[in-house]
Amino acid sequence: TMKVYVARDKAGCIGLYRDAPTWRWNKLGTIEDWFDGCFLTYILS
């Protein structure tokens, strides 16, 4: 067994991450998407 993180992006896709991802902010100060966390793959939402 392996503990991982799942996170849905703004487009509705689910990403699988080794560590907890954090939010990336754009220049306007709004959330752009997830990053870091060592992205592994996308899985069926």
PDB file of all heavy atoms in Angstrom:
ATOM      1  N   THR A   1       0.853  -1.182   0.000  1.00  0.00           N
ATOM      2  CA  THR A   1       0.000   0.000   0.000  1.00  0.00           C
ATOM      3  C   THR A   1       0.889   1.232   0.000  1.00  0.00           C
ATOM      4  O   THR A   1       2.031   1.198   0.459  1.00  0.00           O
ATOM      5  CB  THR A   1      -0.940   0.036   1.215  1.00  0.00           C
ATOM      6  OG1 THR A   1      -0.169   0.002   2.404  1.00  0.00           O
ATOM      7  CG2 THR A   1      -1.906  -1.131   1.191  1.00  0.00           C
ATOM      8  N   MET A   2       0.341   2.305  -0.520  1.00  0.00           N
ATOM      9  CA  MET A   2       1.094   3.537  -0.669  1.00  0.00           C
ATOM     10  C   MET A   2       0.153   4.702  -0.410  1.00  0.00           C
ATOM     11  O   MET A   2      -0.948   4.734  -0.959  1.00  0.00           O
ATOM     12  CB  MET A   2       1.638   3.594  -2.099  1.00  0.00           C
ATOM     13  CG  MET A   2       2.425   4.774  -2.452  1.00  0.00           C
ATOM     14  SD  MET A   2       2.980   4.526  -4.177  1.00  0.00           S
ATOM     15  CE  MET A   2       3.777   6.065  -4.443  1.00  0.00           C
ATOM     16  N   LYS A   3       0.556   5.647   0.435  1.00  0.00           N
ATOM     17  CA  LYS A   3      -0.244   6.837   0.675  1.00  0.00           C
ATOM     18  C   LYS A   3       0.185   7.914  -0.315  1.00  0.00           C
ATOM     19  O   LYS A   3       1.370   8.219  -0.428  1.00  0.00           O
ATOM     20  CB  LYS A   3      -0.086   7.323   2.107  1.00  0.00           C
ATOM     21  CG  LYS A   3      -0.738   6.381   3.086  1.00  0.00           C
ATOM     22  CD  LYS A   3      -0.722   6.927   4.482  1.00  0.00           C
ATOM     23  CE  LYS A   3      -1.411   5.906   5.385  1.00  0.00           C
ATOM     24  NZ  LYS A   3      -1.526   6.380   6.749  1.00  0.00           N
ATOM     25  N   VAL A   4      -0.803   8.430  -1.048  1.00  0.00           N
ATOM     26  CA  VAL A   4      -0.567   9.466  -2.045  1.00  0.00           C
ATOM     27  C   VAL A   4      -1.677  10.515  -1.913  1.00  0.00           C
ATOM     28  O   VAL A   4      -2.580  10.370  -1.086  1.00  0.00           O
ATOM     29  CB  VAL A   4      -0.544   8.882  -3.477  1.00  0.00           C
ATOM     30  CG1 VAL A   4       0.627   7.939  -3.665  1.00  0.00           C
ATOM     31  CG2 VAL A   4      -1.845   8.177  -3.799  1.00  0.00           C
ATOM     32  N   TYR A   5      -1.613  11.531  -2.743  1.00  0.00           N
ATOM     33  CA  TYR A   5      -2.617  12.589  -2.728  1.00  0.00           C
ATOM     34  C   TYR A   5      -3.304  12.658  -4.079  1.00  0.00           C
ATOM     35  O   TYR A   5      -2.669  12.468  -5.114  1.00  0.00           O
ATOM     36  CB  TYR A   5      -1.969  13.944  -2.426  1.00  0.00           C
ATOM     37  CG  TYR A   5      -1.513  14.056  -0.997  1.00  0.00           C
ATOM     38  CD1 TYR A   5      -0.275  13.550  -0.607  1.00  0.00           C
ATOM     39  CD2 TYR A   5      -2.315  14.639  -0.030  1.00  0.00           C
ATOM     40  CE1 TYR A   5       0.141  13.636   0.707  1.00  0.00           C
ATOM     41  CE2 TYR A   5      -1.908  14.725   1.288  1.00  0.00           C
ATOM     42  CZ  TYR A   5      -0.678  14.226   1.647  1.00  0.00           C
ATOM     43  OH  TYR A   5      -0.270  14.302   2.948  1.00  0.00           O
ATOM     44  N   VAL A   6      -4.598  12.936  -4.046  1.00  0.00           N
ATOM     45  CA  VAL A   6      -5.351  13.212  -5.258  1.00  0.00           C
ATOM     46  C   VAL A   6      -5.822  14.664  -5.188  1.00  0.00           C
ATOM     47  O   VAL A   6      -6.146  15.164  -4.115  1.00  0.00           O
ATOM     48  CB  VAL A   6      -6.556  12.261  -5.450  1.00  0.00           C
ATOM     49  CG1 VAL A   6      -6.089  10.847  -5.726  1.00  0.00           C
ATOM     50  CG2 VAL A   6      -7.491  12.287  -4.261  1.00  0.00           C
ATOM     51  N   ALA A   7      -5.815  15.330  -6.334  1.00  0.00           N
ATOM     52  CA  ALA A   7      -6.264  16.718  -6.391  1.00  0.00           C
ATOM     53  C   ALA A   7      -6.934  16.960  -7.740  1.00  0.00           C
ATOM     54  O   ALA A   7      -6.395  16.583  -8.780  1.00  0.00           O
ATOM     55  CB  ALA A   7      -5.097  17.679  -6.203  1.00  0.00           C
ATOM     56  N   ARG A   8      -8.106  17.571  -7.697  1.00  0.00           N
ATOM     57  CA  ARG A   8      -8.823  17.911  -8.933  1.00  0.00           C
ATOM     58  C   ARG A   8      -8.425  19.320  -9.350  1.00  0.00           C
ATOM     59  O   ARG A   8      -8.433  20.243  -8.545  1.00  0.00           O
ATOM     60  CB  ARG A   8     -10.325  17.831  -8.707  1.00  0.00           C
ATOM     61  CG  ARG A   8     -11.141  18.002  -9.986  1.00  0.00           C
ATOM     62  CD  ARG A   8     -12.627  17.863  -9.725  1.00  0.00           C
ATOM     63  NE  ARG A   8     -12.989  16.546  -9.256  1.00  0.00           N
ATOM     64  CZ  ARG A   8     -13.293  15.504 -10.022  1.00  0.00           C
ATOM     65  NH1 ARG A   8     -13.256  15.632 -11.333  1.00  0.00           N
ATOM     66  NH2 ARG A   8     -13.629  14.342  -9.486  1.00  0.00           N
ATOM     67  N   ASP A   9      -8.092  19.477 -10.625  1.00  0.00           N
ATOM     68  CA  ASP A   9      -7.734  20.811 -11.107  1.00  0.00           C
ATOM     69  C   ASP A   9      -8.980  21.554 -11.572  1.00  0.00           C
ATOM     70  O   ASP A   9     -10.090  21.019 -11.546  1.00  0.00           O
ATOM     71  CB  ASP A   9      -6.645  20.750 -12.187  1.00  0.00           C
ATOM     72  CG  ASP A   9      -7.078  20.030 -13.453  1.00  0.00           C
ATOM     73  OD1 ASP A   9      -8.302  19.883 -13.685  1.00  0.00           O
ATOM     74  OD2 ASP A   9      -6.199  19.623 -14.226  1.00  0.00           O
ATOM     75  N   LYS A  10      -8.805  22.793 -12.000  1.00  0.00           N
ATOM     76  CA  LYS A  10      -9.943  23.612 -12.415  1.00  0.00           C
ATOM     77  C   LYS A  10     -10.669  23.021 -13.620  1.00  0.00           C
ATOM     78  O   LYS A  10     -11.852  23.254 -13.805  1.00  0.00           O
ATOM     79  CB  LYS A  10      -9.487  25.029 -12.715  1.00  0.00           C
ATOM     80  CG  LYS A  10      -9.217  25.836 -11.481  1.00  0.00           C
ATOM     81  CD  LYS A  10      -8.917  27.265 -11.865  1.00  0.00           C
ATOM     82  CE  LYS A  10      -8.959  28.163 -10.655  1.00  0.00           C
ATOM     83  NZ  LYS A  10      -8.755  29.551 -11.016  1.00  0.00           N
ATOM     84  N   ALA A  11      -9.971  22.272 -14.450  1.00  0.00           N
ATOM     85  CA  ALA A  11     -10.579  21.654 -15.632  1.00  0.00           C
ATOM     86  C   ALA A  11     -11.341  20.380 -15.286  1.00  0.00           C
ATOM     87  O   ALA A  11     -12.015  19.803 -16.133  1.00  0.00           O
ATOM     88  CB  ALA A  11      -9.511  21.352 -16.671  1.00  0.00           C
ATOM     89  N   GLY A  12     -11.230  19.902 -14.031  1.00  0.00           N
ATOM     90  CA  GLY A  12     -11.939  18.703 -13.609  1.00  0.00           C
ATOM     91  C   GLY A  12     -11.113  17.433 -13.637  1.00  0.00           C
ATOM     92  O   GLY A  12     -11.617  16.364 -13.289  1.00  0.00           O
ATOM     93  N   CYS A  13      -9.858  17.526 -14.046  1.00  0.00           N
ATOM     94  CA  CYS A  13      -8.990  16.338 -14.103  1.00  0.00           C
ATOM     95  C   CYS A  13      -8.419  16.054 -12.715  1.00  0.00           C
ATOM     96  O   CYS A  13      -8.131  16.965 -11.950  1.00  0.00           O
ATOM     97  CB  CYS A  13      -7.849  16.563 -15.076  1.00  0.00           C
ATOM     98  SG  CYS A  13      -8.400  16.870 -16.756  1.00  0.00           S
ATOM     99  N   ILE A  14      -8.240  14.761 -12.418  1.00  0.00           N
ATOM    100  CA  ILE A  14      -7.674  14.342 -11.138  1.00  0.00           C
ATOM    101  C   ILE A  14      -6.215  13.933 -11.348  1.00  0.00           C
ATOM    102  O   ILE A  14      -5.908  13.089 -12.186  1.00  0.00           O
ATOM    103  CB  ILE A  14      -8.439  13.138 -10.547  1.00  0.00           C
ATOM    104  CG1 ILE A  14      -9.886  13.507 -10.260  1.00  0.00           C
ATOM    105  CG2 ILE A  14      -7.740  12.596  -9.315  1.00  0.00           C
ATOM    106  CD1 ILE A  14     -10.139  14.145  -8.939  1.00  0.00           C
ATOM    107  N   GLY A  15      -5.350  14.557 -10.574  1.00  0.00           N
ATOM    108  CA  GLY A  15      -3.936  14.207 -10.607  1.00  0.00           C
ATOM    109  C   GLY A  15      -3.556  13.418  -9.368  1.00  0.00           C
ATOM    110  O   GLY A  15      -4.140  13.600  -8.300  1.00  0.00           O
ATOM    111  N   LEU A  16      -2.600  12.542  -9.521  1.00  0.00           N
ATOM    112  CA  LEU A  16      -2.075  11.736  -8.423  1.00  0.00           C
ATOM    113  C   LEU A  16      -0.685  12.275  -8.096  1.00  0.00           C
ATOM    114  O   LEU A  16       0.144  12.450  -8.998  1.00  0.00           O
ATOM    115  CB  LEU A  16      -1.993  10.275  -8.877  1.00  0.00           C
ATOM    116  CG  LEU A  16      -1.725   9.196  -7.861  1.00  0.00           C
ATOM    117  CD1 LEU A  16      -2.889   9.081  -6.876  1.00  0.00           C
ATOM    118  CD2 LEU A  16      -1.526   7.860  -8.561  1.00  0.00           C
ATOM    119  N   TYR A  17      -0.439  12.541  -6.814  1.00  0.00           N
ATOM    120  CA  TYR A  17       0.807  13.159  -6.370  1.00  0.00           C
ATOM    121  C   TYR A  17       1.429  12.361  -5.237  1.00  0.00           C
ATOM    122  O   TYR A  17       0.715  11.852  -4.373  1.00  0.00           O
ATOM    123  CB  TYR A  17       0.554  14.585  -5.860  1.00  0.00           C
ATOM    124  CG  TYR A  17      -0.023  15.502  -6.895  1.00  0.00           C
ATOM    125  CD1 TYR A  17      -1.385  15.523  -7.158  1.00  0.00           C
ATOM    126  CD2 TYR A  17       0.796  16.352  -7.619  1.00  0.00           C
ATOM    127  CE1 TYR A  17      -1.928  16.373  -8.114  1.00  0.00           C
ATOM    128  CE2 TYR A  17       0.275  17.210  -8.570  1.00  0.00           C
ATOM    129  CZ  TYR A  17      -1.088  17.207  -8.820  1.00  0.00           C
ATOM    130  OH  TYR A  17      -1.616  18.044  -9.761  1.00  0.00           O
ATOM    131  N   ARG A  18       2.746  12.294  -5.213  1.00  0.00           N
ATOM    132  CA  ARG A  18       3.443  11.596  -4.135  1.00  0.00           C
ATOM    133  C   ARG A  18       3.315  12.358  -2.819  1.00  0.00           C
ATOM    134  O   ARG A  18       3.113  11.772  -1.762  1.00  0.00           O
ATOM    135  CB  ARG A  18       4.919  11.386  -4.483  1.00  0.00           C
ATOM    136  CG  ARG A  18       5.637  10.506  -3.443  1.00  0.00           C
ATOM    137  CD  ARG A  18       7.110  10.414  -3.696  1.00  0.00           C
ATOM    138  NE  ARG A  18       7.680  11.735  -3.444  1.00  0.00           N
ATOM    139  CZ  ARG A  18       8.815  12.163  -3.940  1.00  0.00           C
ATOM    140  NH1 ARG A  18       9.511  11.399  -4.731  1.00  0.00           N
ATOM    141  NH2 ARG A  18       9.273  13.358  -3.663  1.00  0.00           N
ATOM    142  N   ASP A  19       3.452  13.669  -2.864  1.00  0.00           N
ATOM    143  CA  ASP A  19       3.324  14.535  -1.696  1.00  0.00           C
ATOM    144  C   ASP A  19       2.191  15.519  -1.950  1.00  0.00           C
ATOM    145  O   ASP A  19       1.753  15.693  -3.091  1.00  0.00           O
ATOM    146  CB  ASP A  19       4.628  15.298  -1.462  1.00  0.00           C
ATOM    147  CG  ASP A  19       5.814  14.355  -1.268  1.00  0.00           C
ATOM    148  OD1 ASP A  19       5.722  13.459  -0.403  1.00  0.00           O
ATOM    149  OD2 ASP A  19       6.814  14.513  -1.986  1.00  0.00           O
ATOM    150  N   ALA A  20       1.744  16.190  -0.906  1.00  0.00           N
ATOM    151  CA  ALA A  20       0.638  17.138  -1.043  1.00  0.00           C
ATOM    152  C   ALA A  20       1.028  18.279  -1.984  1.00  0.00           C
ATOM    153  O   ALA A  20       2.009  18.980  -1.732  1.00  0.00           O
ATOM    154  CB  ALA A  20       0.238  17.685   0.316  1.00  0.00           C
ATOM    155  N   PRO A  21       0.284  18.476  -3.085  1.00  0.00           N
ATOM    156  CA  PRO A  21       0.581  19.590  -3.974  1.00  0.00           C
ATOM    157  C   PRO A  21       0.118  20.906  -3.359  1.00  0.00           C
ATOM    158  O   PRO A  21      -0.704  20.918  -2.440  1.00  0.00           O
ATOM    159  CB  PRO A  21      -0.232  19.262  -5.229  1.00  0.00           C
ATOM    160  CG  PRO A  21      -1.388  18.472  -4.722  1.00  0.00           C
ATOM    161  CD  PRO A  21      -0.851  17.682  -3.557  1.00  0.00           C
ATOM    162  N   THR A  22       0.667  21.982  -3.849  1.00  0.00           N
ATOM    163  CA  THR A  22       0.265  23.312  -3.394  1.00  0.00           C
ATOM    164  C   THR A  22      -0.309  24.078  -4.576  1.00  0.00           C
ATOM    165  O   THR A  22      -0.158  23.676  -5.724  1.00  0.00           O
ATOM    166  CB  THR A  22       1.459  24.083  -2.800  1.00  0.00           C
ATOM    167  OG1 THR A  22       2.503  24.124  -3.766  1.00  0.00           O
ATOM    168  CG2 THR A  22       1.978  23.406  -1.546  1.00  0.00           C
ATOM    169  N   TRP A  23      -0.938  25.194  -4.292  1.00  0.00           N
ATOM    170  CA  TRP A  23      -1.542  26.001  -5.340  1.00  0.00           C
ATOM    171  C   TRP A  23      -0.519  26.927  -5.957  1.00  0.00           C
ATOM    172  O   TRP A  23       0.348  27.435  -5.281  1.00  0.00           O
ATOM    173  CB  TRP A  23      -2.653  26.867  -4.770  1.00  0.00           C
ATOM    174  CG  TRP A  23      -3.697  26.133  -4.029  1.00  0.00           C
ATOM    175  CD1 TRP A  23      -3.596  24.923  -3.413  1.00  0.00           C
ATOM    176  CD2 TRP A  23      -5.014  26.582  -3.790  1.00  0.00           C
ATOM    177  NE1 TRP A  23      -4.762  24.603  -2.815  1.00  0.00           N
ATOM    178  CE2 TRP A  23      -5.659  25.610  -3.021  1.00  0.00           C
ATOM    179  CE3 TRP A  23      -5.712  27.714  -4.130  1.00  0.00           C
ATOM    180  CZ2 TRP A  23      -6.968  25.735  -2.615  1.00  0.00           C
ATOM    181  CZ3 TRP A  23      -7.022  27.840  -3.720  1.00  0.00           C
ATOM    182  CH2 TRP A  23      -7.632  26.849  -2.983  1.00  0.00           C
ATOM    183  N   ARG A  24      -0.644  27.134  -7.229  1.00  0.00           N
ATOM    184  CA  ARG A  24       0.195  28.101  -7.930  1.00  0.00           C
ATOM    185  C   ARG A  24      -0.674  29.325  -8.201  1.00  0.00           C
ATOM    186  O   ARG A  24      -1.784  29.212  -8.694  1.00  0.00           O
ATOM    187  CB  ARG A  24       0.702  27.529  -9.246  1.00  0.00           C
ATOM    188  CG  ARG A  24       1.565  28.496 -10.003  1.00  0.00           C
ATOM    189  CD  ARG A  24       2.049  27.984 -11.330  1.00  0.00           C
ATOM    190  NE  ARG A  24       1.660  26.619 -11.604  1.00  0.00           N
ATOM    191  CZ  ARG A  24       2.225  25.858 -12.496  1.00  0.00           C
ATOM    192  NH1 ARG A  24       3.203  26.312 -13.224  1.00  0.00           N
ATOM    193  NH2 ARG A  24       1.824  24.632 -12.701  1.00  0.00           N
ATOM    194  N   TRP A  25      -0.169  30.482  -7.867  1.00  0.00           N
ATOM    195  CA  TRP A  25      -0.911  31.734  -8.049  1.00  0.00           C
ATOM    196  C   TRP A  25      -0.445  32.416  -9.325  1.00  0.00           C
ATOM    197  O   TRP A  25       0.739  32.428  -9.633  1.00  0.00           O
ATOM    198  CB  TRP A  25      -0.685  32.654  -6.858  1.00  0.00           C
ATOM    199  CG  TRP A  25      -1.148  32.042  -5.580  1.00  0.00           C
ATOM    200  CD1 TRP A  25      -0.435  31.224  -4.751  1.00  0.00           C
ATOM    201  CD2 TRP A  25      -2.429  32.155  -4.999  1.00  0.00           C
ATOM    202  NE1 TRP A  25      -1.201  30.834  -3.688  1.00  0.00           N
ATOM    203  CE2 TRP A  25      -2.432  31.400  -3.803  1.00  0.00           C
ATOM    204  CE3 TRP A  25      -3.592  32.837  -5.348  1.00  0.00           C
ATOM    205  CZ2 TRP A  25      -3.542  31.297  -2.973  1.00  0.00           C
ATOM    206  CZ3 TRP A  25      -4.692  32.730  -4.514  1.00  0.00           C
ATOM    207  CH2 TRP A  25      -4.664  31.971  -3.350  1.00  0.00           C
ATOM    208  N   ASN A  26      -1.374  33.015 -10.049  1.00  0.00           N
ATOM    209  CA  ASN A  26      -0.972  33.774 -11.232  1.00  0.00           C
ATOM    210  C   ASN A  26      -0.704  35.227 -10.845  1.00  0.00           C
ATOM    211  O   ASN A  26      -0.826  35.601  -9.678  1.00  0.00           O
ATOM    212  CB  ASN A  26      -2.013  33.661 -12.351  1.00  0.00           C
ATOM    213  CG  ASN A  26      -3.351  34.260 -11.983  1.00  0.00           C
ATOM    214  OD1 ASN A  26      -3.460  35.117 -11.106  1.00  0.00           O
ATOM    215  ND2 ASN A  26      -4.395  33.816 -12.651  1.00  0.00           N
ATOM    216  N   LYS A  27      -0.345  36.050 -11.801  1.00  0.00           N
ATOM    217  CA  LYS A  27       0.029  37.443 -11.520  1.00  0.00           C
ATOM    218  C   LYS A  27      -1.142  38.273 -10.999  1.00  0.00           C
ATOM    219  O   LYS A  27      -0.949  39.305 -10.388  1.00  0.00           O
ATOM    220  CB  LYS A  27       0.611  38.087 -12.767  1.00  0.00           C
ATOM    221  CG  LYS A  27       1.944  37.489 -13.162  1.00  0.00           C
ATOM    222  CD  LYS A  27       2.475  38.110 -14.417  1.00  0.00           C
ATOM    223  CE  LYS A  27       3.775  37.417 -14.811  1.00  0.00           C
ATOM    224  NZ  LYS A  27       4.333  37.964 -16.036  1.00  0.00           N
ATOM    225  N   LEU A  28      -2.376  37.813 -11.239  1.00  0.00           N
ATOM    226  CA  LEU A  28      -3.552  38.542 -10.767  1.00  0.00           C
ATOM    227  C   LEU A  28      -3.912  38.178  -9.327  1.00  0.00           C
ATOM    228  O   LEU A  28      -4.836  38.727  -8.750  1.00  0.00           O
ATOM    229  CB  LEU A  28      -4.754  38.259 -11.681  1.00  0.00           C
ATOM    230  CG  LEU A  28      -4.576  38.669 -13.151  1.00  0.00           C
ATOM    231  CD1 LEU A  28      -5.772  38.218 -13.973  1.00  0.00           C
ATOM    232  CD2 LEU A  28      -4.382  40.174 -13.258  1.00  0.00           C
ATOM    233  N   GLY A  29      -3.186  37.221  -8.770  1.00  0.00           N
ATOM    234  CA  GLY A  29      -3.435  36.823  -7.398  1.00  0.00           C
ATOM    235  C   GLY A  29      -4.531  35.790  -7.236  1.00  0.00           C
ATOM    236  O   GLY A  29      -5.037  35.568  -6.141  1.00  0.00           O
ATOM    237  N   THR A  30      -4.918  35.145  -8.336  1.00  0.00           N
ATOM    238  CA  THR A  30      -5.907  34.075  -8.250  1.00  0.00           C
ATOM    239  C   THR A  30      -5.220  32.731  -8.487  1.00  0.00           C
ATOM    240  O   THR A  30      -4.139  32.666  -9.075  1.00  0.00           O
ATOM    241  CB  THR A  30      -7.048  34.263  -9.272  1.00  0.00           C
ATOM    242  OG1 THR A  30      -6.483  34.327 -10.582  1.00  0.00           O
ATOM    243  CG2 THR A  30      -7.817  35.543  -8.993  1.00  0.00           C
ATOM    244  N   ILE A  31      -5.871  31.677  -8.046  1.00  0.00           N
ATOM    245  CA  ILE A  31      -5.297  30.338  -8.167  1.00  0.00           C
ATOM    246  C   ILE A  31      -5.249  29.925  -9.632  1.00  0.00           C
ATOM    247  O   ILE A  31      -6.238  30.008 -10.341  1.00  0.00           O
ATOM    248  CB  ILE A  31      -6.126  29.325  -7.369  1.00  0.00           C
ATOM    249  CG1 ILE A  31      -6.132  29.701  -5.899  1.00  0.00           C
ATOM    250  CG2 ILE A  31      -5.601  27.915  -7.572  1.00  0.00           C
ATOM    251  CD1 ILE A  31      -7.175  28.967  -5.099  1.00  0.00           C
ATOM    252  N   GLU A  32      -4.093  29.469 -10.049  1.00  0.00           N
ATOM    253  CA  GLU A  32      -3.935  29.004 -11.418  1.00  0.00           C
ATOM    254  C   GLU A  32      -4.130  27.498 -11.489  1.00  0.00           C
ATOM    255  O   GLU A  32      -4.902  26.999 -12.284  1.00  0.00           O
ATOM    256  CB  GLU A  32      -2.555  29.388 -11.935  1.00  0.00           C
ATOM    257  CG  GLU A  32      -2.345  29.090 -13.389  1.00  0.00           C
ATOM    258  CD  GLU A  32      -1.016  29.640 -13.870  1.00  0.00           C
ATOM    259  OE1 GLU A  32      -0.740  30.823 -13.660  1.00  0.00           O
ATOM    260  OE2 GLU A  32      -0.263  28.843 -14.451  1.00  0.00           O
ATOM    261  N   ASP A  33      -3.416  26.750 -10.658  1.00  0.00           N
ATOM    262  CA  ASP A  33      -3.519  25.299 -10.672  1.00  0.00           C
ATOM    263  C   ASP A  33      -2.624  24.701  -9.600  1.00  0.00           C
ATOM    264  O   ASP A  33      -1.951  25.410  -8.877  1.00  0.00           O
ATOM    265  CB  ASP A  33      -3.129  24.735 -12.037  1.00  0.00           C
ATOM    266  CG  ASP A  33      -4.058  23.609 -12.480  1.00  0.00           C
ATOM    267  OD1 ASP A  33      -4.614  22.926 -11.600  1.00  0.00           O
ATOM    268  OD2 ASP A  33      -4.226  23.432 -13.687  1.00  0.00           O
ATOM    269  N   TRP A  34      -2.593  23.373  -9.542  1.00  0.00           N
ATOM    270  CA  TRP A  34      -1.750  22.653  -8.588  1.00  0.00           C
ATOM    271  C   TRP A  34      -0.352  22.490  -9.149  1.00  0.00           C
ATOM    272  O   TRP A  34      -0.167  22.355 -10.347  1.00  0.00           O
ATOM    273  CB  TRP A  34      -2.325  21.261  -8.320  1.00  0.00           C
ATOM    274  CG  TRP A  34      -3.669  21.309  -7.710  1.00  0.00           C
ATOM    275  CD1 TRP A  34      -4.852  21.030  -8.331  1.00  0.00           C
ATOM    276  CD2 TRP A  34      -4.005  21.660  -6.379  1.00  0.00           C
ATOM    277  NE1 TRP A  34      -5.890  21.191  -7.469  1.00  0.00           N
ATOM    278  CE2 TRP A  34      -5.396  21.576  -6.247  1.00  0.00           C
ATOM    279  CE3 TRP A  34      -3.268  22.053  -5.270  1.00  0.00           C
ATOM    280  CZ2 TRP A  34      -6.060  21.859  -5.061  1.00  0.00           C
ATOM    281  CZ3 TRP A  34      -3.931  22.333  -4.086  1.00  0.00           C
ATOM    282  CH2 TRP A  34      -5.306  22.231  -4.002  1.00  0.00           C
ATOM    283  N   PHE A  35       0.630  22.474  -8.258  1.00  0.00           N
ATOM    284  CA  PHE A  35       1.993  22.169  -8.691  1.00  0.00           C
ATOM    285  C   PHE A  35       2.763  21.611  -7.494  1.00  0.00           C
ATOM    286  O   PHE A  35       2.249  21.555  -6.381  1.00  0.00           O
ATOM    287  CB  PHE A  35       2.690  23.392  -9.302  1.00  0.00           C
ATOM    288  CG  PHE A  35       3.265  24.360  -8.320  1.00  0.00           C
ATOM    289  CD1 PHE A  35       4.633  24.517  -8.218  1.00  0.00           C
ATOM    290  CD2 PHE A  35       2.445  25.121  -7.501  1.00  0.00           C
ATOM    291  CE1 PHE A  35       5.170  25.426  -7.313  1.00  0.00           C
ATOM    292  CE2 PHE A  35       2.971  26.030  -6.602  1.00  0.00           C
ATOM    293  CZ  PHE A  35       4.334  26.181  -6.508  1.00  0.00           C
ATOM    294  N   ASP A  36       3.981  21.237  -7.732  1.00  0.00           N
ATOM    295  CA  ASP A  36       4.809  20.552  -6.735  1.00  0.00           C
ATOM    296  C   ASP A  36       4.148  19.241  -6.331  1.00  0.00           C
ATOM    297  O   ASP A  36       3.311  18.735  -7.030  1.00  0.00           O
ATOM    298  CB  ASP A  36       5.067  21.431  -5.503  1.00  0.00           C
ATOM    299  CG  ASP A  36       6.185  22.435  -5.738  1.00  0.00           C
ATOM    300  OD1 ASP A  36       6.909  22.284  -6.736  1.00  0.00           O
ATOM    301  OD2 ASP A  36       6.311  23.352  -4.930  1.00  0.00           O
ATOM    302  N   GLY A  37       4.530  18.707  -5.205  1.00  0.00           N
ATOM    303  CA  GLY A  37       3.949  17.460  -4.741  1.00  0.00           C
ATOM    304  C   GLY A  37       4.421  16.238  -5.499  1.00  0.00           C
ATOM    305  O   GLY A  37       3.943  15.148  -5.249  1.00  0.00           O
ATOM    306  N   CYS A  38       5.315  16.409  -6.433  1.00  0.00           N
ATOM    307  CA  CYS A  38       5.817  15.317  -7.272  1.00  0.00           C
ATOM    308  C   CYS A  38       4.659  14.623  -8.003  1.00  0.00           C
ATOM    309  O   CYS A  38       4.189  13.564  -7.609  1.00  0.00           O
ATOM    310  CB  CYS A  38       6.640  14.310  -6.477  1.00  0.00           C
ATOM    311  SG  CYS A  38       7.488  13.126  -7.544  1.00  0.00           S
ATOM    312  N   PHE A  39       4.198  15.257  -9.073  1.00  0.00           N
ATOM    313  CA  PHE A  39       3.112  14.725  -9.901  1.00  0.00           C
ATOM    314  C   PHE A  39       3.481  13.346 -10.429  1.00  0.00           C
ATOM    315  O   PHE A  39       4.579  13.143 -10.945  1.00  0.00           O
ATOM    316  CB  PHE A  39       2.843  15.683 -11.063  1.00  0.00           C
ATOM    317  CG  PHE A  39       1.827  15.175 -12.033  1.00  0.00           C
ATOM    318  CD1 PHE A  39       0.477  15.237 -11.739  1.00  0.00           C
ATOM    319  CD2 PHE A  39       2.220  14.627 -13.239  1.00  0.00           C
ATOM    320  CE1 PHE A  39      -0.467  14.776 -12.634  1.00  0.00           C
ATOM    321  CE2 PHE A  39       1.283  14.157 -14.144  1.00  0.00           C
ATOM    322  CZ  PHE A  39      -0.070  14.227 -13.843  1.00  0.00           C
ATOM    323  N   LEU A  40       2.555  12.393 -10.294  1.00  0.00           N
ATOM    324  CA  LEU A  40       2.794  11.034 -10.776  1.00  0.00           C
ATOM    325  C   LEU A  40       2.072  10.767 -12.086  1.00  0.00           C
ATOM    326  O   LEU A  40       2.670  10.327 -13.056  1.00  0.00           O
ATOM    327  CB  LEU A  40       2.367  10.017  -9.717  1.00  0.00           C
ATOM    328  CG  LEU A  40       3.114  10.093  -8.387  1.00  0.00           C
ATOM    329  CD1 LEU A  40       2.478   9.177  -7.354  1.00  0.00           C
ATOM    330  CD2 LEU A  40       4.583   9.755  -8.587  1.00  0.00           C
ATOM    331  N   THR A  41       0.753  11.011 -12.114  1.00  0.00           N
ATOM    332  CA  THR A  41      -0.036  10.727 -13.311  1.00  0.00           C
ATOM    333  C   THR A  41      -1.439  11.290 -13.150  1.00  0.00           C
ATOM    334  O   THR A  41      -1.838  11.672 -12.051  1.00  0.00           O
ATOM    335  CB  THR A  41      -0.112   9.206 -13.574  1.00  0.00           C
ATOM    336  OG1 THR A  41      -0.704   8.976 -14.853  1.00  0.00           O
ATOM    337  CG2 THR A  41      -0.920   8.496 -12.514  1.00  0.00           C
ATOM    338  N   TYR A  42      -2.175  11.332 -14.237  1.00  0.00           N
ATOM    339  CA  TYR A  42      -3.600  11.626 -14.170  1.00  0.00           C
ATOM    340  C   TYR A  42      -4.347  10.306 -14.052  1.00  0.00           C
ATOM    341  O   TYR A  42      -3.897   9.287 -14.575  1.00  0.00           O
ATOM    342  CB  TYR A  42      -4.080  12.361 -15.430  1.00  0.00           C
ATOM    343  CG  TYR A  42      -3.680  13.808 -15.453  1.00  0.00           C
ATOM    344  CD1 TYR A  42      -2.700  14.256 -16.328  1.00  0.00           C
ATOM    345  CD2 TYR A  42      -4.289  14.732 -14.615  1.00  0.00           C
ATOM    346  CE1 TYR A  42      -2.330  15.593 -16.360  1.00  0.00           C
ATOM    347  CE2 TYR A  42      -3.928  16.069 -14.629  1.00  0.00           C
ATOM    348  CZ  TYR A  42      -2.951  16.486 -15.505  1.00  0.00           C
ATOM    349  OH  TYR A  42      -2.588  17.801 -15.522  1.00  0.00           O
ATOM    350  N   ILE A  43      -5.483  10.325 -13.368  1.00  0.00           N
ATOM    351  CA  ILE A  43      -6.317   9.137 -13.253  1.00  0.00           C
ATOM    352  C   ILE A  43      -7.743   9.517 -13.638  1.00  0.00           C
ATOM    353  O   ILE A  43      -8.080  10.696 -13.701  1.00  0.00           O
ATOM    354  CB  ILE A  43      -6.266   8.521 -11.837  1.00  0.00           C
ATOM    355  CG1 ILE A  43      -6.689   9.549 -10.793  1.00  0.00           C
ATOM    356  CG2 ILE A  43      -4.879   7.997 -11.531  1.00  0.00           C
ATOM    357  CD1 ILE A  43      -6.750   8.994  -9.387  1.00  0.00           C
ATOM    358  N   LEU A  44      -8.571   8.539 -13.889  1.00  0.00           N
ATOM    359  CA  LEU A  44      -9.951   8.806 -14.277  1.00  0.00           C
ATOM    360  C   LEU A  44     -10.669   9.555 -13.168  1.00  0.00           C
ATOM    361  O   LEU A  44     -10.708   9.103 -12.026  1.00  0.00           O
ATOM    362  CB  LEU A  44     -10.686   7.500 -14.576  1.00  0.00           C
ATOM    363  CG  LEU A  44     -10.220   6.731 -15.809  1.00  0.00           C
ATOM    364  CD1 LEU A  44     -10.939   5.392 -15.899  1.00  0.00           C
ATOM    365  CD2 LEU A  44     -10.470   7.554 -17.060  1.00  0.00           C
ATOM    366  N   SER A  45     -11.232  10.690 -13.509  1.00  0.00           N
ATOM    367  CA  SER A  45     -11.897  11.514 -12.498  1.00  0.00           C
ATOM    368  C   SER A  45     -13.142  10.838 -11.937  1.00  0.00           C
ATOM    369  O   SER A  45     -13.562  11.135 -10.825  1.00  0.00           O
ATOM    370  CB  SER A  45     -12.233  12.887 -13.065  1.00  0.00           C
ATOM    371  OG  SER A  45     -13.064  12.768 -14.191  1.00  0.00           O
TER     372      SER A  45
END
